[in-house]
Amino acid sequence: MPSKDYEKFEQKAEILKAIAHPVRLCILRGLFKEGPSNVGKMTTCLDIPQATVSQHLAKMKAVGIIKGKRNGTQVIYTLTNVGNISKLVESFLI
């Protein structure tokens, strides 16, 4: 297998590992369907502690499938298009 192909597969595997959790799948679906959101809104929707939501967001942000933009004291999270994540969420979670 050519090394470029292997590198692409490694990146895709990291993305799949990052979303392989029910809470993270739910966060991704919410960002896809509802649009940008902050941790407070996600905490209320998911009914889990803010620290837990933040940990899940950090894992997804580390592989680049979500990004956060500071707005005053809040960080607003959105999906990125790394690995065609929007298409994946739409085909798999909607």
C-alpha atoms as a PDB file:
ATOM      1  CA  MET A   1       0.000   0.000   0.000  1.00  0.00           C
ATOM      2  CA  PRO A   2       1.442   3.412  -0.926  1.00  0.00           C
ATOM      3  CA  SER A   3       2.396   5.519   2.090  1.00  0.00           C
ATOM      4  CA  LYS A   4       0.072   8.378   1.036  1.00  0.00           C
ATOM      5  CA  ASP A   5      -2.901   6.008   1.118  1.00  0.00           C
ATOM      6  CA  TYR A   6      -1.847   4.703   4.505  1.00  0.00           C
ATOM      7  CA  GLU A   7      -1.580   8.241   5.877  1.00  0.00           C
ATOM      8  CA  LYS A   8      -5.106   9.020   4.635  1.00  0.00           C
ATOM      9  CA  PHE A   9      -6.424   5.871   6.286  1.00  0.00           C
ATOM     10  CA  GLU A  10      -4.675   6.756   9.533  1.00  0.00           C
ATOM     11  CA  GLN A  11      -6.375  10.170   9.545  1.00  0.00           C
ATOM     12  CA  LYS A  12      -9.765   8.626   8.826  1.00  0.00           C
ATOM     13  CA  ALA A  13      -9.220   6.042  11.575  1.00  0.00           C
ATOM     14  CA  GLU A  14      -8.457   8.833  14.060  1.00  0.00           C
ATOM     15  CA  ILE A  15     -11.692  10.579  13.074  1.00  0.00           C
ATOM     16  CA  LEU A  16     -13.680   7.383  13.525  1.00  0.00           C
ATOM     17  CA  LYS A  17     -12.080   6.788  16.939  1.00  0.00           C
ATOM     18  CA  ALA A  18     -12.930  10.339  17.964  1.00  0.00           C
ATOM     19  CA  ILE A  19     -16.627   9.917  17.155  1.00  0.00           C
ATOM     20  CA  ALA A  20     -16.941   6.344  18.466  1.00  0.00           C
ATOM     21  CA  HIS A  21     -18.893   7.275  21.595  1.00  0.00           C
ATOM     22  CA  PRO A  22     -22.667   7.794  22.017  1.00  0.00           C
ATOM     23  CA  VAL A  23     -22.276  11.256  23.562  1.00  0.00           C
ATOM     24  CA  ARG A  24     -19.976  12.407  20.774  1.00  0.00           C
ATOM     25  CA  LEU A  25     -22.333  11.077  18.121  1.00  0.00           C
ATOM     26  CA  CYS A  26     -25.162  12.971  19.799  1.00  0.00           C
ATOM     27  CA  ILE A  27     -23.091  16.173  19.892  1.00  0.00           C
ATOM     28  CA  LEU A  28     -22.251  15.817  16.193  1.00  0.00           C
ATOM     29  CA  ARG A  29     -25.882  15.208  15.278  1.00  0.00           C
ATOM     30  CA  GLY A  30     -26.915  18.272  17.293  1.00  0.00           C
ATOM     31  CA  LEU A  31     -24.310  20.465  15.611  1.00  0.00           C
ATOM     32  CA  PHE A  32     -25.416  19.185  12.216  1.00  0.00           C
ATOM     33  CA  LYS A  33     -29.164  19.600  12.789  1.00  0.00           C
ATOM     34  CA  GLU A  34     -29.256  22.647  15.073  1.00  0.00           C
ATOM     35  CA  GLY A  35     -26.113  24.467  13.994  1.00  0.00           C
ATOM     36  CA  PRO A  36     -23.496  26.141  16.189  1.00  0.00           C
ATOM     37  CA  SER A  37     -23.815  25.605  19.930  1.00  0.00           C
ATOM     38  CA  ASN A  38     -22.087  26.322  23.213  1.00  0.00           C
ATOM     39  CA  VAL A  39     -21.296  23.887  26.022  1.00  0.00           C
ATOM     40  CA  GLY A  40     -24.155  25.147  28.189  1.00  0.00           C
ATOM     41  CA  LYS A  41     -26.752  24.355  25.558  1.00  0.00           C
ATOM     42  CA  MET A  42     -25.208  20.925  24.947  1.00  0.00           C
ATOM     43  CA  THR A  43     -25.141  20.204  28.687  1.00  0.00           C
ATOM     44  CA  THR A  44     -28.861  20.924  28.976  1.00  0.00           C
ATOM     45  CA  CYS A  45     -29.713  18.897  25.883  1.00  0.00           C
ATOM     46  CA  LEU A  46     -27.596  15.876  26.835  1.00  0.00           C
ATOM     47  CA  ASP A  47     -28.336  16.079  30.588  1.00  0.00           C
ATOM     48  CA  ILE A  48     -24.698  15.448  31.522  1.00  0.00           C
ATOM     49  CA  PRO A  49     -22.192  17.618  33.437  1.00  0.00           C
ATOM     50  CA  GLN A  50     -20.421  20.467  31.662  1.00  0.00           C
ATOM     51  CA  ALA A  51     -16.993  18.964  32.388  1.00  0.00           C
ATOM     52  CA  THR A  52     -18.014  15.752  30.624  1.00  0.00           C
ATOM     53  CA  VAL A  53     -19.264  17.621  27.560  1.00  0.00           C
ATOM     54  CA  SER A  54     -16.041  19.648  27.479  1.00  0.00           C
ATOM     55  CA  GLN A  55     -13.922  16.475  27.555  1.00  0.00           C
ATOM     56  CA  HIS A  56     -15.838  15.014  24.612  1.00  0.00           C
ATOM     57  CA  LEU A  57     -15.537  18.274  22.675  1.00  0.00           C
ATOM     58  CA  ALA A  58     -11.782  18.348  23.302  1.00  0.00           C
ATOM     59  CA  LYS A  59     -11.360  14.883  21.780  1.00  0.00           C
ATOM     60  CA  MET A  60     -13.274  15.854  18.651  1.00  0.00           C
ATOM     61  CA  LYS A  61     -11.496  19.200  18.396  1.00  0.00           C
ATOM     62  CA  ALA A  62      -8.107  17.451  18.630  1.00  0.00           C
ATOM     63  CA  VAL A  63      -8.753  15.580  15.357  1.00  0.00           C
ATOM     64  CA  GLY A  64     -10.259  18.641  13.714  1.00  0.00           C
ATOM     65  CA  ILE A  65     -13.872  17.574  13.199  1.00  0.00           C
ATOM     66  CA  ILE A  66     -15.211  20.473  15.243  1.00  0.00           C
ATOM     67  CA  LYS A  67     -13.873  23.940  15.927  1.00  0.00           C
ATOM     68  CA  GLY A  68     -14.606  26.490  18.590  1.00  0.00           C
ATOM     69  CA  LYS A  69     -14.796  30.246  18.288  1.00  0.00           C
ATOM     70  CA  ARG A  70     -14.767  32.445  21.361  1.00  0.00           C
ATOM     71  CA  ASN A  71     -17.709  34.821  21.699  1.00  0.00           C
ATOM     72  CA  GLY A  72     -17.226  36.777  24.917  1.00  0.00           C
ATOM     73  CA  THR A  73     -17.174  34.239  27.736  1.00  0.00           C
ATOM     74  CA  GLN A  74     -18.609  31.441  25.575  1.00  0.00           C
ATOM     75  CA  VAL A  75     -17.065  29.184  22.979  1.00  0.00           C
ATOM     76  CA  ILE A  76     -19.361  28.416  20.067  1.00  0.00           C
ATOM     77  CA  TYR A  77     -18.699  25.029  18.448  1.00  0.00           C
ATOM     78  CA  THR A  78     -19.339  24.121  14.817  1.00  0.00           C
ATOM     79  CA  LEU A  79     -18.581  21.196  12.531  1.00  0.00           C
ATOM     80  CA  THR A  80     -15.637  21.387  10.186  1.00  0.00           C
ATOM     81  CA  ASN A  81     -15.415  19.531   6.915  1.00  0.00           C
ATOM     82  CA  VAL A  82     -12.384  17.417   7.825  1.00  0.00           C
ATOM     83  CA  GLY A  83     -12.931  13.925   6.474  1.00  0.00           C
ATOM     84  CA  ASN A  84     -16.292  15.017   5.066  1.00  0.00           C
ATOM     85  CA  ILE A  85     -17.713  14.810   8.577  1.00  0.00           C
ATOM     86  CA  SER A  86     -20.928  16.595   7.569  1.00  0.00           C
ATOM     87  CA  LYS A  87     -21.648  13.945   4.943  1.00  0.00           C
ATOM     88  CA  LEU A  88     -20.836  11.198   7.426  1.00  0.00           C
ATOM     89  CA  VAL A  89     -23.155  12.655  10.072  1.00  0.00           C
ATOM     90  CA  GLU A  90     -25.928  13.221   7.557  1.00  0.00           C
ATOM     91  CA  SER A  91     -25.770   9.718   6.131  1.00  0.00           C
ATOM     92  CA  PHE A  92     -25.234   7.925   9.417  1.00  0.00           C
ATOM     93  CA  LEU A  93     -27.049   9.855  12.147  1.00  0.00           C
ATOM     94  CA  ILE A  94     -30.019  11.601  10.561  1.00  0.00           C
END
